[in-house]
């Protein structure tokens, strides 16, 4: 069996970790945004995007997810 040669990188070098809310600071606070509660995350990590809230309702106190986060 051939061993693959993998290059070791820091996670932050291959993806963005904890995107900053400052990139959406100019959005109207009445904008509808997706909201993912802990109950909407399955044990295997699938997300059920069924809930929306106003940006002003979730601006503080919740973790920000960027569009197309995987």
Protein backbone atom coordinates (compact mmCIF):
# COMPACT_ATOMS: atom_id res chain seq x y z
CA UNK A 1 0.00 0.00 0.00
CA UNK A 2 1.42 3.36 -1.04
CA UNK A 3 1.56 6.11 1.56
CA UNK A 4 0.32 9.51 0.44
CA UNK A 5 2.46 12.55 1.11
CA UNK A 6 0.25 15.15 2.73
CA UNK A 7 1.36 18.69 3.37
CA UNK A 8 0.53 19.87 6.87
CA UNK A 9 -1.15 23.27 7.08
CA UNK A 10 -2.83 25.25 9.82
CA UNK A 11 -6.61 25.20 9.57
CA UNK A 12 -6.71 28.99 9.17
CA UNK A 13 -4.55 28.67 6.04
CA UNK A 14 -7.15 26.61 4.17
CA UNK A 15 -10.42 28.11 5.43
CA UNK A 16 -11.81 31.16 7.16
CA UNK A 17 -12.46 30.61 10.87
CA UNK A 18 -14.96 32.77 12.72
CA UNK A 19 -15.87 35.25 9.96
CA UNK A 20 -16.36 38.78 11.26
CA UNK A 21 -19.82 40.30 11.55
CA UNK A 22 -18.31 43.57 10.38
CA UNK A 23 -18.77 42.37 6.78
CA UNK A 24 -22.56 42.60 7.24
CA UNK A 25 -22.64 45.73 9.41
CA UNK A 26 -24.18 47.78 6.59
CA UNK A 27 -27.17 45.44 6.14
CA UNK A 28 -30.55 46.76 7.23
CA UNK A 29 -31.27 45.30 10.68
CA UNK A 30 -34.77 44.38 9.42
CA UNK A 31 -33.25 41.98 6.88
CA UNK A 32 -34.38 38.35 7.22
CA UNK A 33 -31.48 35.99 7.93
CA UNK A 34 -31.26 32.24 8.37
CA UNK A 35 -31.22 31.14 11.98
CA UNK A 36 -29.89 27.75 13.05
CA UNK A 37 -30.76 26.67 16.58
CA UNK A 38 -28.94 23.77 18.23
CA UNK A 39 -32.07 21.66 17.65
CA UNK A 40 -31.62 22.27 13.91
CA UNK A 41 -28.22 20.53 13.87
CA UNK A 42 -28.34 16.74 13.62
CA UNK A 43 -25.96 14.42 15.44
CA UNK A 44 -24.04 13.89 12.18
CA UNK A 45 -23.77 17.64 11.50
CA UNK A 46 -26.57 18.19 8.99
CA UNK A 47 -28.28 21.56 9.22
CA UNK A 48 -32.02 22.06 8.85
CA UNK A 49 -32.47 25.62 7.59
CA UNK A 50 -36.12 26.21 8.32
CA UNK A 51 -36.11 29.28 10.51
CA UNK A 52 -35.54 32.95 9.68
CA UNK A 53 -35.22 35.89 12.02
CA UNK A 54 -34.59 39.59 11.66
CA UNK A 55 -30.91 40.50 11.80
CA UNK A 56 -31.61 42.79 14.78
CA UNK A 57 -32.91 39.78 16.76
CA UNK A 58 -29.72 37.76 16.34
CA UNK A 59 -26.98 40.39 15.98
CA UNK A 60 -25.64 39.77 19.47
CA UNK A 61 -25.57 36.59 21.49
CA UNK A 62 -25.33 34.18 18.55
CA UNK A 63 -22.54 32.79 16.39
CA UNK A 64 -22.38 34.31 12.92
CA UNK A 65 -22.38 31.93 9.95
CA UNK A 66 -21.33 33.19 6.56
CA UNK A 67 -23.28 32.27 3.40
CA UNK A 68 -22.11 28.95 1.92
CA UNK A 69 -20.26 27.90 5.09
CA UNK A 70 -19.62 24.19 5.02
